[in-house]
Protein backbone atom coordinates (compact mmCIF):
# COMPACT_ATOMS: atom_id res chain seq x y z
CA MET A 1 0.02 0.14 0.27
CA ASN A 2 2.72 2.00 0.62
CA VAL A 3 4.40 2.28 -2.87
CA GLY A 4 0.94 2.81 -4.55
CA PHE A 5 0.26 5.62 -1.95
CA SER A 6 4.03 7.20 -2.19
CA ILE A 7 3.43 7.39 -5.89
CA ILE A 8 -0.03 9.18 -6.06
CA LEU A 9 1.49 11.78 -3.52
CA LEU A 10 4.41 12.04 -5.54
CA VAL A 11 2.29 12.65 -8.98
CA LEU A 12 -0.39 14.96 -6.98
CA VAL A 13 2.77 17.14 -5.44
CA LEU A 14 4.35 17.37 -8.96
CA ILE A 15 0.73 17.91 -10.49
CA LEU A 16 0.08 21.29 -7.73
CA PHE A 17 3.41 22.34 -9.03
CA LEU A 18 3.99 22.16 -12.33
CA THR A 19 0.15 23.96 -12.68
CA ASN A 20 1.70 27.48 -11.73
CA PRO A 21 5.43 26.99 -11.03
CA GLY A 22 5.70 30.73 -11.32
CA ASN A 23 3.23 31.19 -7.98
CA LYS A 24 4.60 31.06 -4.44
CA VAL A 25 2.17 29.53 -3.18
CA ASN A 26 2.17 26.56 -5.12
CA LYS A 27 5.75 26.28 -5.05
CA TRP A 28 6.32 26.26 -1.17
CA CYS A 29 3.17 24.00 -1.34
CA ALA A 30 4.83 21.57 -3.39
CA MET A 31 8.05 21.93 -1.53
CA ALA A 32 6.33 20.91 2.01
CA GLY A 33 4.44 18.24 -0.07
CA PHE A 34 7.61 16.60 -1.20
CA LEU A 35 9.46 16.62 2.15
CA PHE A 36 6.21 15.01 3.61
CA TRP A 37 6.04 12.60 0.80
CA PHE A 38 9.79 11.25 2.07
CA GLY A 39 7.96 10.22 5.13
CA VAL A 40 6.16 7.96 2.46
CA ILE A 41 8.43 6.70 0.26
CA LYS A 42 11.21 5.96 3.19
CA GLU A 43 8.83 3.35 4.84
CA ALA A 44 8.01 1.83 1.38
CA LEU A 45 11.76 1.44 0.37
CA MET A 46 12.50 -0.08 3.93
CA TYR A 47 9.87 -2.04 4.98
CA THR A 48 8.81 -3.33 1.44
CA ILE A 49 10.85 -2.60 -1.57
CA ILE A 50 14.50 -3.23 -0.28
CA PRO A 51 13.27 -6.69 1.48
CA TRP A 52 11.78 -7.68 -1.89
CA MET A 53 15.14 -6.79 -3.46
CA GLN A 54 17.20 -8.58 -0.99
CA THR A 55 15.29 -12.04 -1.71
CA ALA A 56 15.01 -11.47 -5.07
CA SER A 57 19.10 -10.71 -5.31
CA GLY A 58 20.36 -13.36 -2.09
CA ASN A 59 22.08 -9.93 -0.82
CA GLN A 60 20.74 -9.40 2.81
CA ASN A 61 22.56 -6.80 3.39
CA LEU A 62 21.12 -4.28 1.57
CA GLN A 63 18.27 -2.86 4.25
CA ARG A 64 21.69 -2.25 6.73
CA GLY A 65 23.02 -0.42 3.70
CA PHE A 66 20.08 1.35 3.74
CA MET A 67 19.84 2.85 6.89
CA PRO A 68 22.16 6.11 6.56
CA VAL A 69 19.74 7.01 3.35
CA TYR A 70 16.36 6.35 5.95
CA SER A 71 17.99 8.45 8.66
CA VAL A 72 18.66 11.53 6.61
CA MET A 73 15.20 10.85 4.52
CA THR A 74 13.48 10.73 8.38
CA TRP A 75 15.96 14.14 9.48
CA ALA A 76 14.71 16.00 6.33
CA ILE A 77 10.68 15.68 7.24
CA TYR A 78 11.41 16.45 10.69
CA THR A 79 13.22 19.34 10.40
CA LEU A 80 12.46 21.00 7.05
CA ALA A 81 8.85 19.88 6.73
CA MET A 82 6.99 22.28 9.23
CA PRO A 83 9.18 25.27 8.76
CA THR A 84 8.52 24.62 4.74
CA THR A 85 4.47 24.30 5.70
CA VAL A 86 4.74 27.63 7.84
CA ILE A 87 6.32 29.40 5.20
CA PHE A 88 3.64 28.31 2.56
CA ALA A 89 1.13 29.61 4.82
CA VAL A 90 2.69 32.49 4.51
CA TYR A 91 2.22 33.14 1.01
CA PHE A 92 -1.05 31.75 1.44
CA GLN A 93 -2.32 34.46 3.74
CA GLY A 94 -1.09 36.82 1.34
CA PHE A 95 1.48 38.27 3.70
CA GLU A 96 3.87 38.88 0.98
CA HIS A 97 2.10 42.15 0.46
CA THR A 98 0.90 43.01 4.02
CA HIS A 99 3.59 42.13 6.50
CA PRO A 100 6.72 42.10 3.37
CA ALA A 101 9.25 41.18 6.22
CA LEU A 102 7.56 37.90 6.81
CA THR A 103 8.54 36.84 3.25
CA ARG A 104 11.62 38.81 2.97
CA PHE A 105 13.59 36.57 6.03
CA ARG A 106 11.42 33.98 5.46
CA PHE A 107 14.43 31.72 5.73
CA ALA A 108 15.23 32.94 9.21
CA ILE A 109 12.67 30.05 10.04
CA TYR A 110 15.56 27.30 8.81
CA ILE A 111 18.24 28.25 11.75
CA PRO A 112 16.39 26.20 14.62
CA ALA A 113 16.61 23.87 11.90
CA PHE A 114 20.18 24.10 11.55
CA ILE A 115 21.01 24.22 15.39
CA ILE A 116 18.94 21.24 16.07
CA SER A 117 21.39 19.38 13.54
CA ILE A 118 23.94 19.83 14.75
CA ILE A 119 22.64 18.60 18.10
CA PHE A 120 21.45 15.36 16.49
CA PRO A 121 23.24 14.89 13.00
CA PRO A 122 20.99 13.31 10.27
CA LEU A 123 23.43 10.11 9.69
CA GLU A 124 22.27 9.29 13.19
CA PHE A 125 18.81 9.34 13.09
CA ARG A 126 17.20 6.02 13.47
CA ALA A 127 19.36 5.58 16.40
CA PHE A 128 18.22 8.58 18.00
CA GLN A 129 14.75 7.71 17.66
CA LEU A 130 15.25 4.29 19.34
CA GLU A 131 17.05 5.43 22.04
CA SER A 132 16.81 8.95 22.63
CA LEU A 133 13.59 10.33 24.75
CA SER A 134 15.51 14.03 24.89
CA PHE A 135 15.84 13.85 20.67
CA TRP A 136 11.63 13.02 21.21
CA ILE A 137 11.20 16.06 23.40
CA ALA A 138 13.34 18.46 21.28
CA PHE A 139 11.53 17.55 18.31
CA ALA A 140 8.28 17.70 19.62
CA VAL A 141 8.88 21.90 20.93
CA TYR A 142 10.01 21.88 17.52
CA ASN A 143 7.53 20.95 15.63
CA LEU A 144 4.55 20.91 17.66
CA SER A 145 5.54 25.24 18.14
CA LEU A 146 5.47 25.24 14.06
CA GLY A 147 2.11 23.57 13.58
CA VAL A 148 0.53 26.00 16.08
CA VAL A 149 1.98 29.17 13.77
CA PHE A 150 0.69 26.83 11.06
CA VAL A 151 -2.89 26.64 12.05
CA PHE A 152 -2.98 29.81 13.45
CA LEU A 153 -1.96 31.68 9.99
CA MET A 154 -4.71 29.20 8.10
CA ILE A 155 -7.50 30.33 10.13
CA LYS A 156 -6.65 33.62 10.56
CA SER A 157 -8.13 35.55 7.79
CA ILE A 158 -11.35 33.39 7.59
CA ARG A 159 -13.52 35.77 9.31
CA THR A 160 -11.85 38.55 7.68
CA GLU A 161 -12.24 37.25 4.10
CA LYS A 162 -14.64 38.50 1.88
CA PRO A 163 -17.02 35.92 0.16
CA GLY A 164 -16.17 35.03 -2.70
CA LYS A 165 -14.27 32.83 -5.56
CA GLN A 166 -11.48 33.25 -3.62
CA ALA A 167 -12.64 32.73 -0.11
CA ASN A 168 -14.15 29.36 -1.25
CA GLN A 169 -11.06 27.85 -2.90
CA LYS A 170 -8.94 29.09 0.58
CA LYS A 171 -11.33 27.26 2.19
CA TRP A 172 -11.08 24.22 0.60
CA VAL A 173 -6.90 24.30 0.69
CA ARG A 174 -7.54 24.53 4.54
CA LEU A 175 -10.00 21.77 4.08
CA VAL A 176 -7.35 19.23 2.41
CA ILE A 177 -4.23 20.13 3.98
CA MET A 178 -4.77 21.24 7.47
CA PRO A 179 -6.32 17.65 8.62
CA PRO A 180 -2.78 15.39 7.56
CA VAL A 181 -0.53 18.02 9.19
CA ILE A 182 -2.67 17.98 12.57
CA PHE A 183 -2.57 14.40 12.22
CA TRP A 184 0.78 13.51 11.47
CA LEU A 185 1.80 16.14 14.68
CA ILE A 186 -0.19 14.59 16.89
CA SER A 187 0.47 10.74 15.92
CA ILE A 188 4.11 11.55 15.85
CA PHE A 189 5.42 14.37 18.24
CA LEU A 190 2.27 13.78 21.05
CA THR A 191 2.74 9.91 21.04
CA HIS A 192 6.27 9.22 21.60
CA PRO A 193 7.90 11.77 23.72
CA PHE A 194 4.84 10.59 26.41
CA GLN A 195 6.27 7.03 25.19
CA ILE A 196 3.10 5.46 24.61
CA GLU A 197 3.81 2.44 23.06
CA SER A 198 0.67 1.11 21.91
CA LEU A 199 -0.02 4.43 19.70
CA PHE A 200 3.85 4.21 18.00
CA LYS A 201 2.34 3.05 14.57
CA LEU A 202 -0.99 5.83 14.89
CA TRP A 203 0.70 7.43 11.92
CA GLN A 204 0.34 5.10 9.80
CA VAL A 205 -3.40 5.85 9.97
CA ASN A 206 -2.73 9.03 8.22
CA ALA A 207 -2.48 7.07 4.92
CA VAL A 208 -5.92 6.75 4.79
CA VAL A 209 -6.53 10.39 6.27
CA LEU A 210 -4.32 11.57 3.29
CA LEU A 211 -6.29 9.10 0.93
CA ALA A 212 -9.48 11.31 1.88
CA CYS A 213 -8.15 14.33 0.88
CA VAL A 214 -6.63 13.67 -2.75
CA ALA A 215 -10.02 12.47 -2.98
CA MET A 216 -11.55 15.22 -1.70
CA SER A 217 -9.29 17.61 -3.88
CA VAL A 218 -10.16 15.27 -7.25
CA ILE A 219 -13.66 16.09 -6.73
CA ILE A 220 -12.72 20.35 -6.15
CA VAL A 221 -10.83 20.29 -9.18
CA PHE A 222 -13.66 18.93 -10.97
CA ARG A 223 -15.92 21.35 -9.36
CA ASP A 224 -14.24 24.76 -7.73
CA GLY A 225 -10.80 24.17 -8.82
CA PHE A 226 -7.91 24.01 -6.45
CA MET A 227 -4.66 26.21 -6.21
CA GLY A 228 -5.23 26.93 -9.69
CA LEU A 229 -6.08 23.54 -11.38
CA ARG A 230 -9.68 23.32 -12.71
CA LEU A 231 -10.58 20.13 -14.62
CA SER A 232 -14.16 20.15 -16.73
CA LYS A 233 -15.79 16.81 -17.67
CA GLU A 234 -16.75 17.25 -21.86
CA THR A 235 -18.63 13.89 -22.78
CA TYR A 236 -17.75 14.14 -26.92
CA ASN A 237 -18.24 11.40 -29.62
CA TRP A 238 -14.62 10.07 -29.76
CA ASN A 239 -15.10 8.59 -33.03
CA THR A 240 -16.59 11.75 -35.42
CA ASN A 241 -13.48 13.17 -37.32
CA MET A 242 -14.38 16.71 -38.83
CA ASP A 243 -11.90 16.46 -41.02
CA LEU A 244 -13.02 12.76 -42.26
CA ILE A 245 -16.38 14.89 -43.02
CA ASN A 246 -14.36 17.77 -44.52
CA THR A 247 -12.83 15.31 -46.88
CA GLY A 248 -15.87 13.62 -47.91
CA ALA A 249 -17.55 17.36 -48.76
CA GLU A 250 -14.39 18.08 -50.64
CA TYR A 251 -15.47 14.67 -52.72
CA THR A 252 -18.79 15.24 -52.78
CA ASN A 253 -18.40 19.09 -54.32
CA HIS A 254 -16.26 17.83 -56.82
CA MET A 255 -18.79 15.18 -57.97
CA LEU A 256 -21.48 17.34 -57.90
CA LYS A 257 -19.79 20.40 -59.72
CA ASN A 258 -19.19 17.57 -62.57
CA GLN A 259 -22.69 16.91 -62.63
CA THR A 260 -24.68 19.98 -61.95
CA SER A 261 -22.72 21.69 -64.54
CA LYS A 262 -24.27 19.17 -67.10
CA MET A 263 -27.48 20.06 -65.35
CA GLU A 264 -27.13 23.24 -65.86
CA LEU A 265 -26.40 23.13 -69.34
CA CYS A 266 -28.99 21.26 -70.44
CA ILE A 267 -31.29 23.31 -68.29
CA GLU A 268 -30.24 26.45 -70.27
CA GLN A 269 -30.51 24.96 -73.29
CA LEU A 270 -34.10 23.42 -72.44
CA THR A 271 -34.86 27.13 -71.41
CA GLN A 272 -33.93 28.47 -74.67
CA GLN A 273 -35.94 26.03 -76.96
CA PHE A 274 -39.23 26.88 -74.90
CA SER A 275 -38.40 30.52 -75.13
CA SER A 276 -38.51 30.58 -79.10
CA TYR A 277 -41.42 28.32 -79.05
CA GLU A 278 -44.91 30.74 -79.44
CA ASP A 279 -45.81 31.23 -75.28
CA GLY A 280 -42.26 32.10 -75.26
CA GLU A 281 -42.48 30.30 -71.37
CA PRO A 282 -40.87 27.00 -70.22
CA PRO A 283 -41.77 25.03 -68.11
CA GLU A 284 -42.28 24.89 -64.30
CA GLU A 285 -40.12 22.27 -63.49
CA LEU A 286 -37.04 23.63 -65.06
CA ALA A 287 -37.19 25.97 -62.37
CA ILE A 288 -37.45 23.69 -59.85
CA LEU A 289 -34.07 22.02 -61.01
CA SER A 290 -32.44 25.06 -61.24
CA ARG A 291 -33.44 25.64 -57.60
CA SER A 292 -32.38 21.71 -56.10
CA ILE A 293 -29.15 22.73 -58.06
CA THR A 294 -28.90 25.96 -55.95
CA SER A 295 -29.61 24.12 -52.39
CA LEU A 296 -26.92 21.43 -53.10
CA LYS A 297 -24.40 23.54 -53.56
CA ASN A 298 -25.54 25.19 -50.81
CA TYR A 299 -25.47 22.44 -48.36
CA VAL A 300 -22.15 21.20 -49.48
CA ASP A 301 -20.78 24.45 -49.77
CA LYS A 302 -21.88 24.82 -46.30
CA ILE A 303 -20.79 21.43 -45.06
CA LYS A 304 -17.13 22.37 -46.08
CA ARG A 305 -16.94 25.68 -44.64
CA HIS A 306 -18.16 24.23 -41.03
CA SER A 307 -15.94 21.26 -41.00
CA GLN A 308 -12.81 22.53 -42.15
CA SER A 309 -9.72 22.95 -39.86
CA ILE A 310 -10.15 26.28 -38.53
CA ARG A 311 -7.57 28.93 -38.97
CA ILE A 312 -6.98 31.63 -36.10
CA LEU A 313 -6.71 35.43 -36.53
CA ASP A 314 -6.20 36.31 -32.99
CA GLU A 315 -7.14 40.49 -32.63
CA PRO A 316 -8.47 42.15 -29.45
CA CYS A 317 -12.06 43.25 -29.61
CA LYS A 318 -14.80 44.08 -27.05
CA LEU A 319 -17.21 41.03 -26.25
CA THR A 320 -20.24 43.56 -26.11
CA GLU A 321 -19.51 44.56 -29.84
CA LEU A 322 -18.79 40.77 -31.06
CA LEU A 323 -22.49 39.98 -29.80
CA THR A 324 -24.19 43.34 -31.06
CA ASN A 325 -22.33 42.14 -34.51
CA ALA A 326 -23.81 38.62 -33.81
CA MET A 327 -27.48 39.58 -33.15
CA PRO A 328 -29.18 37.70 -36.18
CA ALA A 329 -31.64 39.05 -38.31
CA ALA A 330 -34.52 36.78 -36.85
CA LEU A 331 -34.27 38.95 -34.20
CA ASN A 332 -35.87 41.76 -35.83
CA GLU A 333 -38.98 39.45 -36.97
CA ARG A 334 -39.56 38.39 -33.63
CA SER A 335 -40.65 40.90 -31.44
CA GLY A 336 -41.73 38.96 -28.16
CA ILE A 337 -38.59 37.94 -27.11
CA GLU A 338 -36.29 40.03 -24.37
CA VAL A 339 -32.56 40.03 -25.19
CA SER A 340 -30.42 40.95 -22.14
CA VAL A 341 -26.80 41.39 -22.24
CA ASN A 342 -25.10 41.69 -18.68
CA ILE A 343 -21.63 42.04 -19.11
CA PRO A 344 -19.81 45.17 -18.73
CA GLN A 345 -18.51 47.40 -21.69
CA SER A 346 -14.95 46.70 -20.03
CA VAL A 347 -14.39 42.95 -21.00
CA SER A 348 -12.47 42.51 -23.73
CA CYS A 349 -10.84 39.16 -25.33
CA VAL A 350 -8.51 37.82 -27.90
CA CYS A 351 -9.85 35.93 -30.70
CA ASP A 352 -10.75 35.45 -34.21
CA LYS A 353 -13.94 37.95 -34.25
CA SER A 354 -15.09 36.58 -38.21
CA HIS A 355 -15.31 33.18 -36.18
CA MET A 356 -16.64 34.30 -33.01
CA THR A 357 -19.15 36.41 -34.20
CA GLU A 358 -20.86 33.45 -36.45
CA VAL A 359 -20.29 31.32 -33.10
CA PHE A 360 -22.72 33.92 -31.20
CA SER A 361 -24.87 34.34 -33.89
CA ASN A 362 -25.92 30.46 -34.43
CA ILE A 363 -26.00 29.96 -30.66
CA ILE A 364 -28.45 33.27 -30.46
CA THR A 365 -30.38 32.03 -33.51
CA ASN A 366 -30.67 28.40 -32.31
CA ALA A 367 -31.88 30.27 -28.76
CA ILE A 368 -34.38 32.19 -30.92
CA GLU A 369 -35.93 29.14 -32.66
CA ALA A 370 -36.47 27.53 -29.20
CA ILE A 371 -39.10 30.06 -28.32
CA GLN A 372 -41.84 29.69 -29.73
CA LYS A 373 -43.69 32.78 -28.89
CA ASN A 374 -42.65 35.22 -26.03
CA GLY A 375 -39.23 34.81 -24.21
CA THR A 376 -36.39 36.10 -22.97
CA ILE A 377 -32.07 35.73 -24.22
CA GLU A 378 -30.02 36.35 -21.26
CA ILE A 379 -26.29 36.57 -21.92
CA SER A 380 -23.87 37.11 -19.61
CA GLY A 381 -20.13 36.24 -17.80
CA VAL A 382 -18.94 35.06 -14.95
CA TYR A 383 -14.42 35.69 -14.79
CA ASP A 384 -13.07 33.11 -11.74
CA LYS A 385 -9.34 34.38 -12.44
CA PHE A 386 -8.49 30.64 -14.56
CA HIS A 387 -11.43 31.07 -17.35
CA TYR A 388 -13.99 33.49 -18.67
CA SER A 389 -17.34 31.62 -18.76
CA LEU A 390 -20.32 33.26 -21.70
CA HIS A 391 -23.66 32.18 -20.68
CA VAL A 392 -26.01 31.86 -22.80
CA THR A 393 -29.96 31.14 -21.85
CA ASP A 394 -32.43 30.62 -23.48
CA SER A 395 -36.41 30.27 -22.04
CA GLY A 396 -37.26 28.12 -24.72
CA ALA A 397 -38.77 24.95 -24.60
CA GLY A 398 -35.56 23.00 -23.30
CA MET A 399 -34.45 19.62 -24.63
CA GLU A 400 -34.42 15.88 -23.32
CA LYS A 401 -31.17 14.12 -21.74
CA ASP A 402 -30.92 11.83 -25.38
CA LEU A 403 -31.49 15.15 -27.53
CA LEU A 404 -28.89 17.37 -25.50
CA ALA A 405 -26.23 14.49 -25.78
CA ASN A 406 -25.91 14.80 -29.54
CA VAL A 407 -26.19 18.75 -30.14
CA PHE A 408 -22.66 19.31 -31.52
CA ASN A 409 -22.81 16.24 -33.32
CA PRO A 410 -22.06 16.72 -36.84
CA TYR A 411 -25.30 16.52 -38.84
CA PHE A 412 -27.29 16.27 -36.13
CA THR A 413 -30.58 18.07 -35.62
CA THR A 414 -34.27 18.72 -34.68
CA LYS A 415 -35.08 20.98 -37.41
CA SER A 416 -36.98 20.03 -40.15
CA THR A 417 -36.38 22.72 -42.67
CA GLU A 418 -33.94 22.64 -45.33
CA LYS A 419 -31.74 25.50 -44.45
CA ASN A 420 -30.97 23.36 -41.11
CA PHE A 421 -28.20 20.65 -41.88
CA GLY A 422 -26.78 20.45 -38.16
CA LEU A 423 -24.10 21.85 -38.47
CA GLY A 424 -24.24 25.02 -36.67
CA LEU A 425 -23.15 23.83 -33.00
CA ALA A 426 -20.55 21.09 -34.51
CA TYR A 427 -19.11 24.56 -36.52
CA CYS A 428 -19.04 26.51 -32.40
CA LYS A 429 -17.29 23.57 -31.18
CA ASN A 430 -14.69 23.41 -33.64
CA VAL A 431 -13.84 27.19 -33.53
CA VAL A 432 -14.59 27.72 -29.76
CA HIS A 433 -11.82 24.58 -29.51
CA SER A 434 -9.66 26.19 -31.77
CA HIS A 435 -9.55 28.72 -29.00
CA GLY A 436 -8.18 26.71 -26.36
CA GLY A 437 -11.20 27.08 -24.74
CA SER A 438 -14.56 24.71 -24.51
CA ILE A 439 -18.22 24.89 -24.97
CA SER A 440 -21.29 22.40 -23.65
CA ALA A 441 -24.88 22.63 -22.95
CA LYS A 442 -27.71 22.71 -20.02
CA SER A 443 -30.96 21.72 -20.76
CA ALA A 444 -34.23 20.09 -19.57
CA PRO A 445 -37.71 20.14 -20.95
CA GLY A 446 -39.62 22.95 -20.16
CA GLU A 447 -36.36 24.98 -18.79
CA GLY A 448 -35.38 26.28 -21.78
CA THR A 449 -31.22 25.55 -22.50
CA THR A 450 -27.99 27.28 -21.71
CA ILE A 451 -25.19 27.26 -23.94
CA THR A 452 -21.91 28.16 -21.93
CA ILE A 453 -19.02 28.75 -23.93
CA THR A 454 -15.28 29.04 -21.62
CA LEU A 455 -12.60 30.62 -22.71
CA PRO A 456 -8.72 30.30 -20.76
CA SER A 457 -8.32 33.63 -19.02
CA LYS A 458 -4.99 34.96 -21.21
CA ARG A 459 -7.79 35.41 -24.19
CA VAL A 460 -9.99 37.59 -21.62
CA SER A 461 -9.14 41.03 -19.58
CA VAL A 462 -12.19 42.14 -17.68
CA ASP A 463 -11.32 45.32 -16.19
CA GLY A 464 -9.55 46.86 -19.56
CA GLY A 465 -6.47 46.28 -17.83
CA ASP A 466 -3.30 43.09 -19.65
CA PHE A 467 -4.93 40.14 -20.78
CA GLY A 468 -4.59 36.78 -17.81
CA GLU A 469 -4.29 38.79 -15.16
C-alpha cells in the first residue's frame, strides 16, 4: 500500500507544482508536500521494496546499507517539513503584500533546524529515534510549535475574508491540507515523547487521512478548482472526425460540380428552346430543377465551411461589440423576444472576430428558434481568474437528455427545414476548441437551454488591463 500511495502522492505534488510553477503559494506547498512524501517513500523502501530486492538478489545486507539514507530522509521530514509548511501558509494568506518582512526574512525560520541538526546529526537519526527520549522531546517542541504557527496562519483570515470565489477556494485548501498535517504532528510528536507505545504506529493511519484528502481534492478540482488547477468533464463522440467530414464534403462537392454543370447546361438549352416557341414560357419544372441545384451547392458549401480546420487570426476586441454584431436578423422579426446582455463594456477578449461572431450568431439563432412566441434570452459572463465563461440562456422549450447529448455532433438537428443541416453547433465547438476553450449545453424540458462558452483567462481582460491578469 505504501508503494502505491507514495506514487500517487508524488504525482499529485508534481501536478500541484506544474500547474503554476511561478506562483509562490503553489511552489512552497509543493516543496512541503515533497518533504512529507519522504515519510511515505522511506517506509515503502525500508519495509517493502528493499526486502523484496533482498529476497530476489539474495543479498541480505541491502537493508543495513539503506539505513543511512533512511536516517537522512527522516531528518528531512522531521526538521524541514514544518518550517516549509509555515512559509507556504505565509504566502497562502497573502502576507507577501501585507507583511513583506515575513517573506523577506522567510529563511530565518530554518535557523532552529540548523541548530537542532548539529545536536542530532542526520546520519544518526535512526539511532536517536530508538534510544533517545530527549530527541523526541526536542523535536516535539520544535514541530508542535511550528504546527501552532501553521494552524494560526491558515485560519487567521477566515473571518476577515470577503465572500467570493477566492474565499471559497481558500476554504477548500484548508480543508484538504490541514487535517493530514495536524494528524501527523499528533501521531508522531505526542505519542513518542510520552512513550505511549500502543500508539507508536498511529501515524500509519495518516495514509487513510491523506487518501480521503486526495479524493476530496479530485472532486474539488472538477467542481471549483484547487490551487490554480481546474478540470472539466466533456463528453464527446470520440470517433467523429471533422477532417473526415471535410474530406467527404470535398469529394461530394467535386462530384456535384461535374454533375450540376451538366444539369445547368441542359436547363439553359431547354430554356432557350422553350423560349423559341410561340408562348415563350419554359415549364415550371425547369425552375424547380434550377432551385434544387442551387440548394445542393449551398448544402455542400456549408458542410465544407463548417467542418474545415479553423485558422485563428487573433485580434483584441470588445465582447459586447462581438455580441452586437452577432445578433441575427431573425431577432428583428420576433418582437416577443427580449434579449438582455449582462456583460460590462470593459470586458475585452483576444479572438478571431469573424469566427467568434458566427459562433455567437449561431447560438443566439438557436435560442430564438427554441422560443415559440414570447420569451427571453439572457447573456452573461463570469470570470474566475482562470477562465471566462459566457452563458447564453433562453426560455425555450428545452431538450430531453438524449437529445442534449448529441447537440454538438455533426449533422444532428431537431429542425426539419432545408436550411438546417445540423452543423451549426459542431462548427461552434470547432471554433471554441481552436481558441483553447470549451463549450457545453445544459437543458431540461420546460426549463430552457443554456449554452456555456469557456475561454482561458489569457484571452480575456475584464477591467481593461492586460489579458490574463
